[in-house]
C-alpha atoms as a PDB file:
ATOM      1  CA  MET A   1     101.253  86.134  95.374  1.00  0.00           C
ATOM      2  CA  PRO A   2      97.675  86.156  93.536  1.00  0.00           C
ATOM      3  CA  THR A   3      95.664  88.687  92.887  1.00  0.00           C
ATOM      4  CA  VAL A   4      91.809  89.216  92.480  1.00  0.00           C
ATOM      5  CA  ASP A   5      90.731  89.026  88.731  1.00  0.00           C
ATOM      6  CA  LYS A   6      87.555  89.275  87.125  1.00  0.00           C
ATOM      7  CA  SER A   7      86.761  84.943  87.085  1.00  0.00           C
ATOM      8  CA  PHE A   8      87.926  84.889  90.945  1.00  0.00           C
ATOM      9  CA  SER A   9      89.060  81.038  89.775  1.00  0.00           C
ATOM     10  CA  TYR A  10      92.006  81.274  92.103  1.00  0.00           C
ATOM     11  CA  LEU A  11      89.675  81.208  95.151  1.00  0.00           C
ATOM     12  CA  SER A  12      89.215  77.413  94.730  1.00  0.00           C
ATOM     13  CA  THR A  13      92.491  77.071  95.855  1.00  0.00           C
ATOM     14  CA  VAL A  14      92.672  80.274  98.769  1.00  0.00           C
ATOM     15  CA  GLY A  15      93.135  78.657 102.256  1.00  0.00           C
ATOM     16  CA  LYS A  16      94.376  80.048 105.363  1.00  0.00           C
ATOM     17  CA  GLU A  17      97.763  79.687 104.523  1.00  0.00           C
ATOM     18  CA  HIS A  18      97.239  82.323 101.485  1.00  0.00           C
ATOM     19  CA  ASN A  19      96.857  85.924 101.185  1.00  0.00           C
ATOM     20  CA  ILE A  20      95.742  88.511  98.696  1.00  0.00           C
ATOM     21  CA  LYS A  21      96.492  91.351  97.567  1.00  0.00           C
ATOM     22  CA  MET A  22      93.253  93.405  96.966  1.00  0.00           C
ATOM     23  CA  ASN A  23      91.846  97.033  96.168  1.00  0.00           C
ATOM     24  CA  ILE A  24      88.351  98.390  96.786  1.00  0.00           C
ATOM     25  CA  ASP A  25      87.444  96.976  93.245  1.00  0.00           C
ATOM     26  CA  ASP A  26      88.336  93.776  93.723  1.00  0.00           C
ATOM     27  CA  PHE A  27      87.032  93.841  97.625  1.00  0.00           C
ATOM     28  CA  LEU A  28      83.468  95.423  96.368  1.00  0.00           C
ATOM     29  CA  LYS A  29      82.843  92.399  93.438  1.00  0.00           C
ATOM     30  CA  LEU A  30      83.289  89.563  95.857  1.00  0.00           C
ATOM     31  CA  SER A  31      80.470  87.761  96.749  1.00  0.00           C
ATOM     32  CA  TYR A  32      79.829  87.022 100.939  1.00  0.00           C
ATOM     33  CA  ARG A  33      81.158  82.782 100.606  1.00  0.00           C
ATOM     34  CA  GLN A  34      84.004  84.313  98.323  1.00  0.00           C
ATOM     35  CA  LEU A  35      85.172  86.882 101.562  1.00  0.00           C
ATOM     36  CA  GLU A  36      84.512  83.786 103.746  1.00  0.00           C
ATOM     37  CA  LYS A  37      86.705  81.564 101.818  1.00  0.00           C
ATOM     38  CA  ILE A  38      89.644  84.533 101.942  1.00  0.00           C
ATOM     39  CA  THR A  39      89.192  85.135 105.335  1.00  0.00           C
ATOM     40  CA  ASP A  40      87.487  82.743 107.466  1.00  0.00           C
ATOM     41  CA  ILE A  41      85.266  85.027 108.530  1.00  0.00           C
ATOM     42  CA  ASP A  42      81.468  83.765 108.566  1.00  0.00           C
ATOM     43  CA  LYS A  43      79.476  84.355 105.025  1.00  0.00           C
ATOM     44  CA  SER A  44      76.594  85.669 107.537  1.00  0.00           C
ATOM     45  CA  ASN A  45      78.854  87.705 109.559  1.00  0.00           C
ATOM     46  CA  TRP A  46      80.105  89.425 106.292  1.00  0.00           C
ATOM     47  CA  SER A  47      76.264  90.150 105.776  1.00  0.00           C
ATOM     48  CA  LYS A  48      76.135  91.833 109.190  1.00  0.00           C
ATOM     49  CA  TYR A  49      78.617  93.481 109.140  1.00  0.00           C
ATOM     50  CA  PHE A  50      77.428  94.704 105.455  1.00  0.00           C
ATOM     51  CA  ASN A  51      74.140  95.393 106.730  1.00  0.00           C
ATOM     52  CA  GLY A  52      74.981  97.684 109.590  1.00  0.00           C
ATOM     53  CA  LYS A  53      74.018  94.733 111.987  1.00  0.00           C
ATOM     54  CA  LEU A  54      77.502  94.179 113.428  1.00  0.00           C
ATOM     55  CA  SER A  55      80.778  95.689 113.594  1.00  0.00           C
ATOM     56  CA  PRO A  56      84.175  93.897 113.127  1.00  0.00           C
ATOM     57  CA  ASN A  57      85.929  93.428 116.549  1.00  0.00           C
ATOM     58  CA  TRP A  58      89.793  94.598 116.210  1.00  0.00           C
ATOM     59  CA  ARG A  59      91.010  90.794 116.176  1.00  0.00           C
ATOM     60  CA  THR A  60      88.216  90.968 113.072  1.00  0.00           C
ATOM     61  CA  VAL A  61      89.796  93.593 111.271  1.00  0.00           C
ATOM     62  CA  VAL A  62      93.757  92.315 111.869  1.00  0.00           C
ATOM     63  CA  ASN A  63      92.480  88.734 110.537  1.00  0.00           C
ATOM     64  CA  ILE A  64      91.161  90.658 107.211  1.00  0.00           C
ATOM     65  CA  LEU A  65      94.326  93.050 107.118  1.00  0.00           C
ATOM     66  CA  GLU A  66      96.855  90.055 107.045  1.00  0.00           C
ATOM     67  CA  ARG A  67      94.658  87.877 104.310  1.00  0.00           C
ATOM     68  CA  ILE A  68      94.175  90.972 102.122  1.00  0.00           C
ATOM     69  CA  GLN A  69      97.627  92.714 102.727  1.00  0.00           C
ATOM     70  CA  THR A  70      95.486  96.700 103.183  1.00  0.00           C
ATOM     71  CA  SER A  71      96.283  98.925 105.776  1.00  0.00           C
ATOM     72  CA  PRO A  72      93.501  99.345 109.065  1.00  0.00           C
ATOM     73  CA  LEU A  73      92.335 102.673 106.961  1.00  0.00           C
ATOM     74  CA  GLU A  74      92.410 100.617 103.754  1.00  0.00           C
ATOM     75  CA  ALA A  75      90.349  97.862 105.502  1.00  0.00           C
ATOM     76  CA  MET A  76      87.589  99.965 106.780  1.00  0.00           C
ATOM     77  CA  ARG A  77      86.930 101.998 104.422  1.00  0.00           C
ATOM     78  CA  PHE A  78      86.600  98.751 102.129  1.00  0.00           C
ATOM     79  CA  ILE A  79      83.521  97.089 104.539  1.00  0.00           C
ATOM     80  CA  GLU A  80      81.985 101.219 105.131  1.00  0.00           C
ATOM     81  CA  THR A  81      81.860 101.445 101.295  1.00  0.00           C
ATOM     82  CA  ARG A  82      80.431  97.976 100.747  1.00  0.00           C
ATOM     83  CA  LYS A  83      78.291  98.959 103.276  1.00  0.00           C
ATOM     84  CA  GLU A  84      77.156 102.255 101.237  1.00  0.00           C
ATOM     85  CA  GLN A  85      76.433 100.133  98.381  1.00  0.00           C
ATOM     86  CA  ASN A  86      74.398  97.791 100.150  1.00  0.00           C
ATOM     87  CA  LEU A  87      72.456 100.399 101.709  1.00  0.00           C
ATOM     88  CA  HIS A  88      71.652 102.201  98.106  1.00  0.00           C
ATOM     89  CA  ASN A  89      70.958  98.744  96.395  1.00  0.00           C
ATOM     90  CA  SER A  90      68.127  97.969  99.237  1.00  0.00           C
ATOM     91  CA  CYS A  91      66.825 101.493  98.936  1.00  0.00           C
ATOM     92  CA  VAL A  92      66.640 100.649  95.048  1.00  0.00           C
ATOM     93  CA  LYS A  93      64.733  98.181  95.374  1.00  0.00           C
END
């Protein structure tokens, strides 16, 4: 099973049948487009999740868990950390 590396070159082959074991550092580095490719969740929804305009429903969380092979608590921590990162970046600008 592939793991995330700095180049993210494997993303061109990731599809619905692939799941990726991911840690928080890997998750935080992914673009919305890369997250969309891994999870089949539209990049505009990822933007809304990370900007606090939308919360993922349980079905979406389960999809994320399956795709990035992590626990529910970890998946929510990944999303909340990314939200905090976005908030910080928007305040710095």
